[in-house]
Amino acid sequence: MKNEEEIQRRIVELDVEHRDLDAVIEMLTRDGHHDQLQLRRLKKRKLQLKDYITLLKMQLVPDVPA
């Protein structure tokens, strides 16, 4: 895909977005006046970010011959 530095940079960006979403979800849940649809969308986006981060991390691991 990209060189290793670009992948690392993208992982950091996605990690920050993931943490931000976690904070927003926590705040909305604690507040008690939250929109269920919005909350579900935020949680779905958070899971998508986690999956994409995992995929990028896997690209950094060199293939090991069997």
Protein backbone atom coordinates (compact mmCIF):
# COMPACT_ATOMS: atom_id res chain seq x y z
CA MET A 1 0.00 0.00 0.00
CA LYS A 2 2.11 2.90 1.29
CA ASN A 3 5.47 3.17 2.88
CA GLU A 4 5.85 2.34 6.53
CA GLU A 5 6.03 5.95 7.77
CA GLU A 6 2.76 6.86 6.07
CA ILE A 7 1.06 3.82 7.58
CA GLN A 8 2.38 4.72 11.05
CA ARG A 9 1.16 8.32 10.64
CA ARG A 10 -2.27 7.15 9.54
CA ILE A 11 -2.50 4.77 12.52
CA VAL A 12 -1.78 7.65 14.89
CA GLU A 13 -4.44 9.82 13.22
CA LEU A 14 -7.01 7.04 13.45
CA ASP A 15 -6.08 6.32 17.08
CA VAL A 16 -6.74 9.97 17.94
CA GLU A 17 -10.11 9.89 16.18
CA HIS A 18 -10.96 6.61 17.97
CA ARG A 19 -10.17 8.13 21.37
CA ASP A 20 -12.16 11.26 20.52
CA LEU A 21 -15.18 9.15 19.58
CA ASP A 22 -14.82 7.23 22.82
CA ALA A 23 -14.91 10.49 24.77
CA VAL A 24 -17.97 11.75 22.86
CA ILE A 25 -19.80 8.45 23.37
CA GLU A 26 -18.96 8.52 27.08
CA MET A 27 -20.18 12.12 27.39
CA LEU A 28 -23.45 11.42 25.56
CA THR A 29 -24.10 8.30 27.62
CA ARG A 30 -23.37 10.07 30.90
CA ASP A 31 -25.51 13.07 29.93
CA GLY A 32 -28.63 10.97 29.59
CA HIS A 33 -30.13 13.18 26.87
CA HIS A 34 -28.74 11.39 23.88
CA ASP A 35 -30.13 10.40 20.51
CA GLN A 36 -30.01 6.61 20.21
CA LEU A 37 -29.47 6.75 16.45
CA GLN A 38 -26.57 9.16 16.81
CA LEU A 39 -25.05 7.01 19.53
CA ARG A 40 -25.30 3.88 17.36
CA ARG A 41 -23.67 5.69 14.44
CA LEU A 42 -20.81 6.87 16.63
CA LYS A 43 -20.26 3.37 18.00
CA LYS A 44 -20.34 1.90 14.49
CA ARG A 45 -17.77 4.46 13.32
CA LYS A 46 -15.60 3.64 16.32
CA LEU A 47 -15.67 -0.07 15.43
CA GLN A 48 -14.84 0.71 11.80
CA LEU A 49 -11.85 2.74 12.94
CA LYS A 50 -10.66 -0.10 15.17
CA ASP A 51 -10.91 -2.56 12.29
CA TYR A 52 -9.03 -0.23 9.93
CA ILE A 53 -6.31 0.37 12.53
CA THR A 54 -5.90 -3.38 12.91
CA LEU A 55 -5.68 -3.79 9.14
CA LEU A 56 -2.98 -1.12 8.90
CA LYS A 57 -1.01 -2.66 11.77
CA MET A 58 -1.12 -6.01 10.00
CA GLN A 59 0.48 -4.37 6.95
CA LEU A 60 3.45 -3.39 9.11
CA VAL A 61 4.15 -6.98 10.14
CA PRO A 62 6.43 -8.70 7.63
CA ASP A 63 5.22 -11.93 6.08
CA VAL A 64 6.79 -14.98 7.66
CA PRO A 65 7.41 -17.91 5.33
CA ALA A 66 5.67 -21.09 6.39
